[in-house]
N, C-alpha and C. Protein backbone atom coordinates (compact mmCIF):
# COMPACT_ATOMS: atom_id res chain seq x y z
N UNK A 1 122.35 19.63 44.66
CA UNK A 1 121.94 20.06 45.98
C UNK A 1 120.52 20.61 45.89
N UNK A 2 119.68 20.22 46.83
CA UNK A 2 118.29 20.66 46.81
C UNK A 2 118.18 22.13 47.22
N UNK A 3 117.10 22.73 46.81
CA UNK A 3 116.85 24.13 47.14
C UNK A 3 116.78 24.32 48.66
N UNK A 4 116.14 23.37 49.34
CA UNK A 4 116.04 23.46 50.80
C UNK A 4 117.43 23.46 51.44
N UNK A 5 118.33 22.59 50.99
CA UNK A 5 119.68 22.52 51.56
C UNK A 5 120.44 23.83 51.35
N UNK A 6 120.22 24.49 50.21
CA UNK A 6 120.88 25.76 49.96
C UNK A 6 120.55 26.79 51.04
N UNK A 7 119.31 26.74 51.54
CA UNK A 7 118.87 27.71 52.54
C UNK A 7 119.12 27.26 53.97
N UNK A 8 119.34 25.98 54.20
CA UNK A 8 119.42 25.50 55.58
C UNK A 8 120.77 24.93 56.00
N UNK A 9 121.61 24.55 55.05
CA UNK A 9 122.86 23.89 55.40
C UNK A 9 123.75 24.76 56.30
N UNK A 10 124.02 25.97 55.90
CA UNK A 10 124.88 26.83 56.72
C UNK A 10 124.22 27.21 58.05
N UNK A 11 122.96 27.68 58.07
CA UNK A 11 122.36 27.98 59.37
C UNK A 11 122.40 26.79 60.34
N UNK A 12 122.13 25.59 59.85
CA UNK A 12 122.18 24.41 60.71
C UNK A 12 123.60 24.15 61.21
N UNK A 13 124.61 24.48 60.40
CA UNK A 13 126.00 24.23 60.81
C UNK A 13 126.41 25.10 61.99
N UNK A 14 125.69 26.20 62.21
CA UNK A 14 125.98 27.07 63.36
C UNK A 14 124.88 26.99 64.41
N UNK A 15 124.01 25.97 64.29
CA UNK A 15 123.00 25.71 65.30
C UNK A 15 121.81 26.65 65.27
N UNK A 16 121.44 27.12 64.08
CA UNK A 16 120.32 28.04 63.97
C UNK A 16 119.37 27.58 62.87
N UNK A 17 118.12 28.01 63.00
CA UNK A 17 117.18 27.80 61.90
C UNK A 17 117.45 28.88 60.86
N UNK A 18 116.81 28.75 59.70
CA UNK A 18 116.97 29.76 58.65
C UNK A 18 116.58 31.14 59.16
N UNK A 19 115.42 31.25 59.81
CA UNK A 19 114.95 32.55 60.29
C UNK A 19 115.81 33.10 61.42
N UNK A 20 116.27 32.23 62.31
CA UNK A 20 117.18 32.69 63.37
C UNK A 20 118.47 33.24 62.76
N UNK A 21 118.99 32.51 61.77
CA UNK A 21 120.22 32.95 61.13
C UNK A 21 120.02 34.27 60.39
N UNK A 22 118.87 34.44 59.78
CA UNK A 22 118.57 35.69 59.11
C UNK A 22 118.59 36.84 60.11
N UNK A 23 117.98 36.62 61.27
CA UNK A 23 117.96 37.65 62.30
C UNK A 23 119.35 38.02 62.78
N UNK A 24 120.18 37.01 63.00
CA UNK A 24 121.56 37.27 63.45
C UNK A 24 122.33 38.01 62.36
N UNK A 25 122.20 37.57 61.12
CA UNK A 25 122.91 38.23 60.02
C UNK A 25 122.48 39.68 59.87
N UNK A 26 121.18 39.94 60.00
CA UNK A 26 120.70 41.32 59.91
C UNK A 26 121.16 42.16 61.09
N UNK A 27 121.32 41.52 62.26
CA UNK A 27 121.80 42.27 63.43
C UNK A 27 123.26 42.68 63.26
N UNK A 28 123.96 42.06 62.33
CA UNK A 28 125.32 42.48 61.96
C UNK A 28 125.26 43.46 60.78
N UNK A 29 124.37 43.21 59.83
CA UNK A 29 124.32 43.99 58.60
C UNK A 29 123.98 45.46 58.85
N UNK A 30 122.97 45.73 59.67
CA UNK A 30 122.55 47.11 59.87
C UNK A 30 123.62 47.95 60.58
N UNK A 31 124.24 47.46 61.65
CA UNK A 31 125.33 48.25 62.24
C UNK A 31 126.50 48.43 61.28
N UNK A 32 126.79 47.42 60.44
CA UNK A 32 127.87 47.56 59.48
C UNK A 32 127.54 48.61 58.42
N UNK A 33 126.29 48.67 57.99
CA UNK A 33 125.89 49.71 57.05
C UNK A 33 126.05 51.10 57.68
N UNK A 34 125.63 51.22 58.92
CA UNK A 34 125.78 52.49 59.64
C UNK A 34 127.26 52.86 59.78
N UNK A 35 128.09 51.88 60.11
CA UNK A 35 129.53 52.14 60.25
C UNK A 35 130.13 52.54 58.90
N UNK A 36 129.69 51.91 57.83
CA UNK A 36 130.18 52.27 56.50
C UNK A 36 129.82 53.69 56.13
N UNK A 37 128.59 54.08 56.44
CA UNK A 37 128.18 55.46 56.17
C UNK A 37 128.99 56.44 57.03
N UNK A 38 129.23 56.08 58.29
CA UNK A 38 130.04 56.93 59.16
C UNK A 38 131.46 57.07 58.61
N UNK A 39 132.00 55.99 58.07
CA UNK A 39 133.35 56.04 57.49
C UNK A 39 133.38 56.95 56.26
N UNK A 40 132.31 56.92 55.46
CA UNK A 40 132.24 57.82 54.31
C UNK A 40 132.19 59.28 54.76
N UNK A 41 131.38 59.55 55.76
CA UNK A 41 131.31 60.91 56.30
C UNK A 41 132.68 61.32 56.84
N UNK A 42 133.31 60.42 57.58
CA UNK A 42 134.62 60.70 58.16
C UNK A 42 135.68 60.94 57.08
N UNK A 43 135.57 60.26 55.97
CA UNK A 43 136.54 60.45 54.88
C UNK A 43 136.50 61.87 54.33
N UNK A 44 135.30 62.43 54.27
CA UNK A 44 135.14 63.77 53.72
C UNK A 44 135.31 64.84 54.81
N UNK A 45 134.79 64.55 55.98
CA UNK A 45 134.84 65.49 57.11
C UNK A 45 135.51 64.79 58.29
N UNK A 46 136.82 64.75 58.33
CA UNK A 46 137.54 63.93 59.31
C UNK A 46 137.32 64.30 60.78
N UNK A 47 136.70 65.41 61.03
CA UNK A 47 136.40 65.81 62.41
C UNK A 47 135.07 65.23 62.90
N UNK A 48 134.32 64.57 62.01
CA UNK A 48 133.06 63.91 62.37
C UNK A 48 133.24 62.39 62.38
N UNK A 49 132.45 61.72 63.17
CA UNK A 49 132.42 60.25 63.22
C UNK A 49 133.83 59.68 63.40
N UNK A 50 134.57 60.23 64.31
CA UNK A 50 135.98 59.87 64.49
C UNK A 50 136.17 58.41 64.89
N UNK A 51 135.31 57.91 65.77
CA UNK A 51 135.48 56.53 66.24
C UNK A 51 134.28 55.63 65.93
N UNK A 52 133.29 56.14 65.24
CA UNK A 52 132.05 55.38 65.01
C UNK A 52 132.29 54.06 64.30
N UNK A 53 132.98 54.09 63.18
CA UNK A 53 133.19 52.86 62.40
C UNK A 53 134.05 51.87 63.15
N UNK A 54 135.17 52.33 63.70
CA UNK A 54 136.08 51.40 64.38
C UNK A 54 135.45 50.80 65.63
N UNK A 55 134.71 51.59 66.40
CA UNK A 55 134.08 51.04 67.60
C UNK A 55 132.98 50.05 67.24
N UNK A 56 132.26 50.31 66.15
CA UNK A 56 131.22 49.37 65.70
C UNK A 56 131.85 48.05 65.28
N UNK A 57 132.91 48.11 64.50
CA UNK A 57 133.59 46.89 64.04
C UNK A 57 134.13 46.11 65.24
N UNK A 58 134.73 46.78 66.20
CA UNK A 58 135.26 46.10 67.40
C UNK A 58 134.14 45.41 68.17
N UNK A 59 133.00 46.11 68.34
CA UNK A 59 131.87 45.54 69.08
C UNK A 59 131.31 44.31 68.36
N UNK A 60 131.16 44.41 67.03
CA UNK A 60 130.62 43.28 66.27
C UNK A 60 131.60 42.12 66.23
N UNK A 61 132.88 42.41 66.15
CA UNK A 61 133.88 41.35 66.17
C UNK A 61 133.82 40.58 67.50
N UNK A 62 133.71 41.31 68.60
CA UNK A 62 133.61 40.65 69.91
C UNK A 62 132.37 39.77 69.97
N UNK A 63 131.24 40.25 69.44
CA UNK A 63 130.02 39.44 69.40
C UNK A 63 130.22 38.18 68.59
N UNK A 64 130.87 38.31 67.43
CA UNK A 64 131.03 37.18 66.53
C UNK A 64 131.94 36.10 67.12
N UNK A 65 133.07 36.50 67.67
CA UNK A 65 134.02 35.50 68.17
C UNK A 65 133.55 34.85 69.47
N UNK A 66 132.61 35.47 70.16
CA UNK A 66 132.10 34.90 71.41
C UNK A 66 130.83 34.08 71.22
N UNK A 67 130.36 33.94 69.98
CA UNK A 67 129.16 33.13 69.73
C UNK A 67 129.51 31.65 69.85
N UNK A 68 128.60 30.87 70.39
CA UNK A 68 128.80 29.43 70.47
C UNK A 68 127.65 28.74 69.75
N UNK A 69 127.98 27.91 68.76
CA UNK A 69 126.93 27.21 68.03
C UNK A 69 126.16 26.24 68.92
N UNK A 70 124.89 26.11 68.66
CA UNK A 70 124.05 25.14 69.38
C UNK A 70 124.11 23.79 68.66
N UNK A 71 123.78 22.72 69.36
CA UNK A 71 123.76 21.40 68.70
C UNK A 71 122.72 21.38 67.58
N UNK A 72 123.03 20.64 66.52
CA UNK A 72 122.14 20.56 65.36
C UNK A 72 120.77 20.01 65.73
N UNK A 73 120.68 19.10 66.69
CA UNK A 73 119.39 18.53 67.10
C UNK A 73 118.46 19.61 67.62
N UNK A 74 119.00 20.62 68.27
CA UNK A 74 118.17 21.70 68.80
C UNK A 74 117.52 22.49 67.68
N UNK A 75 118.17 22.57 66.53
CA UNK A 75 117.61 23.29 65.39
C UNK A 75 116.34 22.60 64.93
N UNK A 76 116.37 21.30 64.82
CA UNK A 76 115.20 20.56 64.34
C UNK A 76 114.00 20.76 65.25
N UNK A 77 114.23 20.89 66.55
CA UNK A 77 113.13 21.12 67.49
C UNK A 77 112.48 22.48 67.28
N UNK A 78 113.24 23.46 66.77
CA UNK A 78 112.73 24.81 66.60
C UNK A 78 112.18 25.08 65.20
N UNK A 79 112.30 24.14 64.28
CA UNK A 79 111.87 24.37 62.90
C UNK A 79 110.34 24.52 62.79
N UNK A 80 109.59 23.86 63.63
CA UNK A 80 108.13 23.99 63.66
C UNK A 80 107.48 23.70 62.31
N UNK A 81 108.05 22.76 61.58
CA UNK A 81 107.45 22.34 60.33
C UNK A 81 107.65 23.30 59.17
N UNK A 82 108.41 24.37 59.34
CA UNK A 82 108.63 25.31 58.26
C UNK A 82 109.51 24.67 57.20
N UNK A 83 109.11 24.80 55.95
CA UNK A 83 109.85 24.21 54.85
C UNK A 83 110.01 25.25 53.75
N UNK A 84 111.27 25.72 53.49
CA UNK A 84 111.48 26.79 52.52
C UNK A 84 111.37 26.36 51.06
N UNK A 85 111.09 25.10 50.79
CA UNK A 85 111.01 24.65 49.39
C UNK A 85 109.70 25.15 48.77
N UNK A 86 109.86 25.74 47.60
CA UNK A 86 108.67 26.31 46.90
C UNK A 86 108.12 25.29 45.95
């Protein structure tokens, strides 16, 4: 498998470019990190962050299951000649 395919196969399968997919993944990663920290705080101090982690997970789950992939042809139109091969 080529290096380019390693970086583009999955993003294209969900109708995104590499950079678009990175943005979406990071938009999930940062809230999950915050929720994880809130859960750690809650484990030690159960009167703090009572619903922070669970409400974050519920919100992100709703976002994830309601996403609709775009057609693969639309990805090629947005690539703008970017090629991740070094």
